């Protein structure tokens, strides 16, 4: 088991994992993963995206980013229902990529 920075070569495995998250319909609002690593990686700080490997195979990924509850509350108009849904999505996303 190891954790390391993502590389372009990891994209096919990460794309498969990302697609599984899309299929749950709770991990993201996207309907399909980007076609290529370059488009997908634009969303993230490349210094903070990692993959998990077991027996030489990528079986998970995680992206670390700053998150501000204050900003989210301003954007959502302080709607507790939406915020609760967002919290669930964050937890689900974290659980699906926990390493």
C-alpha atoms as a PDB file:
ATOM      1  CA  UNK A   1       0.000   0.000   0.000  1.00  0.00           C
ATOM      2  CA  UNK A   2       1.317   3.444  -0.898  1.00  0.00           C
ATOM      3  CA  UNK A   3       0.198   7.019  -1.416  1.00  0.00           C
ATOM      4  CA  UNK A   4       1.842   9.238  -4.003  1.00  0.00           C
ATOM      5  CA  UNK A   5       1.201  12.262  -6.177  1.00  0.00           C
ATOM      6  CA  UNK A   6      -0.974  11.635  -9.209  1.00  0.00           C
ATOM      7  CA  UNK A   7       0.571  11.407 -12.667  1.00  0.00           C
ATOM      8  CA  UNK A   8      -0.968  11.602 -16.116  1.00  0.00           C
ATOM      9  CA  UNK A   9      -0.445   7.852 -16.436  1.00  0.00           C
ATOM     10  CA  UNK A  10      -2.914   7.288 -13.569  1.00  0.00           C
ATOM     11  CA  UNK A  11      -5.787   8.888 -15.482  1.00  0.00           C
ATOM     12  CA  UNK A  12      -7.451   5.727 -16.826  1.00  0.00           C
ATOM     13  CA  UNK A  13      -7.789   4.220 -13.336  1.00  0.00           C
ATOM     14  CA  UNK A  14      -8.771   7.535 -11.734  1.00  0.00           C
ATOM     15  CA  UNK A  15     -11.310   8.108 -14.521  1.00  0.00           C
ATOM     16  CA  UNK A  16     -12.903   4.720 -13.751  1.00  0.00           C
ATOM     17  CA  UNK A  17     -13.124   5.595 -10.052  1.00  0.00           C
ATOM     18  CA  UNK A  18     -14.519   9.032 -10.913  1.00  0.00           C
ATOM     19  CA  UNK A  19     -17.157   7.423 -13.141  1.00  0.00           C
ATOM     20  CA  UNK A  20     -18.274   5.209 -10.257  1.00  0.00           C
ATOM     21  CA  UNK A  21     -18.738   8.355  -8.165  1.00  0.00           C
ATOM     22  CA  UNK A  22     -20.868   9.901 -10.920  1.00  0.00           C
ATOM     23  CA  UNK A  23     -23.043   6.799 -11.081  1.00  0.00           C
ATOM     24  CA  UNK A  24     -23.990   7.211  -7.405  1.00  0.00           C
ATOM     25  CA  UNK A  25     -25.555  10.580  -8.306  1.00  0.00           C
ATOM     26  CA  UNK A  26     -24.505  11.975  -4.923  1.00  0.00           C
ATOM     27  CA  UNK A  27     -20.762  12.523  -5.304  1.00  0.00           C
ATOM     28  CA  UNK A  28     -20.875  15.177  -8.043  1.00  0.00           C
ATOM     29  CA  UNK A  29     -23.219  17.078 -10.296  1.00  0.00           C
ATOM     30  CA  UNK A  30     -21.290  15.987 -13.370  1.00  0.00           C
ATOM     31  CA  UNK A  31     -22.828  13.454 -15.726  1.00  0.00           C
ATOM     32  CA  UNK A  32     -19.603  12.089 -17.205  1.00  0.00           C
ATOM     33  CA  UNK A  33     -15.919  12.351 -16.471  1.00  0.00           C
ATOM     34  CA  UNK A  34     -13.767  14.553 -18.683  1.00  0.00           C
ATOM     35  CA  UNK A  35     -12.234  12.828 -21.686  1.00  0.00           C
ATOM     36  CA  UNK A  36      -8.663  13.543 -20.722  1.00  0.00           C
ATOM     37  CA  UNK A  37      -6.415  14.156 -17.752  1.00  0.00           C
ATOM     38  CA  UNK A  38      -5.630  17.733 -18.740  1.00  0.00           C
ATOM     39  CA  UNK A  39      -9.300  18.819 -18.618  1.00  0.00           C
ATOM     40  CA  UNK A  40      -9.943  16.961 -15.377  1.00  0.00           C
ATOM     41  CA  UNK A  41      -6.826  18.206 -13.602  1.00  0.00           C
ATOM     42  CA  UNK A  42      -7.706  21.876 -14.230  1.00  0.00           C
ATOM     43  CA  UNK A  43     -10.155  21.586 -11.332  1.00  0.00           C
ATOM     44  CA  UNK A  44      -7.473  20.780  -8.790  1.00  0.00           C
ATOM     45  CA  UNK A  45      -4.301  22.108  -7.251  1.00  0.00           C
ATOM     46  CA  UNK A  46      -1.979  19.548  -8.827  1.00  0.00           C
ATOM     47  CA  UNK A  47       0.304  19.641  -5.784  1.00  0.00           C
ATOM     48  CA  UNK A  48      -2.565  18.262  -3.696  1.00  0.00           C
ATOM     49  CA  UNK A  49      -3.937  15.344  -5.708  1.00  0.00           C
ATOM     50  CA  UNK A  50      -2.830  11.882  -4.646  1.00  0.00           C
ATOM     51  CA  UNK A  51      -3.487   8.279  -5.568  1.00  0.00           C
ATOM     52  CA  UNK A  52      -3.573   5.202  -3.378  1.00  0.00           C
ATOM     53  CA  UNK A  53      -1.994   2.026  -4.687  1.00  0.00           C
ATOM     54  CA  UNK A  54      -2.378  -1.540  -3.515  1.00  0.00           C
ATOM     55  CA  UNK A  55      -0.249  -4.228  -5.102  1.00  0.00           C
ATOM     56  CA  UNK A  56       0.881  -1.759  -7.775  1.00  0.00           C
ATOM     57  CA  UNK A  57      -2.694  -0.853  -8.831  1.00  0.00           C
ATOM     58  CA  UNK A  58      -4.332   2.541  -8.321  1.00  0.00           C
ATOM     59  CA  UNK A  59      -7.499   1.922  -6.298  1.00  0.00           C
ATOM     60  CA  UNK A  60      -8.309   5.375  -4.946  1.00  0.00           C
ATOM     61  CA  UNK A  61      -7.594   9.069  -5.242  1.00  0.00           C
ATOM     62  CA  UNK A  62      -8.020  12.183  -3.148  1.00  0.00           C
ATOM     63  CA  UNK A  63      -7.790  15.909  -3.735  1.00  0.00           C
ATOM     64  CA  UNK A  64      -7.125  18.294  -0.898  1.00  0.00           C
ATOM     65  CA  UNK A  65      -8.538  21.785  -1.159  1.00  0.00           C
ATOM     66  CA  UNK A  66      -9.458  24.717   1.006  1.00  0.00           C
ATOM     67  CA  UNK A  67     -13.065  24.760   2.154  1.00  0.00           C
ATOM     68  CA  UNK A  68     -14.806  27.657   3.851  1.00  0.00           C
ATOM     69  CA  UNK A  69     -18.186  27.159   5.474  1.00  0.00           C
ATOM     70  CA  UNK A  70     -18.683  30.949   5.453  1.00  0.00           C
ATOM     71  CA  UNK A  71     -18.284  31.144   1.672  1.00  0.00           C
ATOM     72  CA  UNK A  72     -20.615  28.186   1.117  1.00  0.00           C
ATOM     73  CA  UNK A  73     -23.270  29.706   3.359  1.00  0.00           C
ATOM     74  CA  UNK A  74     -23.098  33.031   1.487  1.00  0.00           C
ATOM     75  CA  UNK A  75     -23.408  31.301  -1.879  1.00  0.00           C
ATOM     76  CA  UNK A  76     -26.308  29.115  -0.748  1.00  0.00           C
ATOM     77  CA  UNK A  77     -28.224  31.913   0.928  1.00  0.00           C
ATOM     78  CA  UNK A  78     -27.922  30.191   4.310  1.00  0.00           C
ATOM     79  CA  UNK A  79     -30.185  27.329   3.345  1.00  0.00           C
ATOM     80  CA  UNK A  80     -29.727  24.571   5.950  1.00  0.00           C
ATOM     81  CA  UNK A  81     -31.240  21.915   3.679  1.00  0.00           C
ATOM     82  CA  UNK A  82     -28.828  22.575   0.860  1.00  0.00           C
ATOM     83  CA  UNK A  83     -25.923  22.846   3.261  1.00  0.00           C
ATOM     84  CA  UNK A  84     -26.875  19.513   4.819  1.00  0.00           C
ATOM     85  CA  UNK A  85     -26.977  17.962   1.346  1.00  0.00           C
ATOM     86  CA  UNK A  86     -23.555  19.442   0.578  1.00  0.00           C
ATOM     87  CA  UNK A  87     -22.177  18.074   3.826  1.00  0.00           C
ATOM     88  CA  UNK A  88     -23.457  14.615   2.870  1.00  0.00           C
ATOM     89  CA  UNK A  89     -21.824  14.893  -0.551  1.00  0.00           C
ATOM     90  CA  UNK A  90     -18.524  15.945   0.987  1.00  0.00           C
ATOM     91  CA  UNK A  91     -18.681  13.027   3.424  1.00  0.00           C
ATOM     92  CA  UNK A  92     -19.579  10.597   0.650  1.00  0.00           C
ATOM     93  CA  UNK A  93     -16.789  11.932  -1.532  1.00  0.00           C
ATOM     94  CA  UNK A  94     -14.317  11.702   1.341  1.00  0.00           C
ATOM     95  CA  UNK A  95     -15.432   8.154   2.146  1.00  0.00           C
ATOM     96  CA  UNK A  96     -15.129   7.040  -1.462  1.00  0.00           C
ATOM     97  CA  UNK A  97     -11.578   8.387  -1.660  1.00  0.00           C
ATOM     98  CA  UNK A  98     -10.369   7.734   1.859  1.00  0.00           C
ATOM     99  CA  UNK A  99      -6.835   6.402   1.842  1.00  0.00           C
END
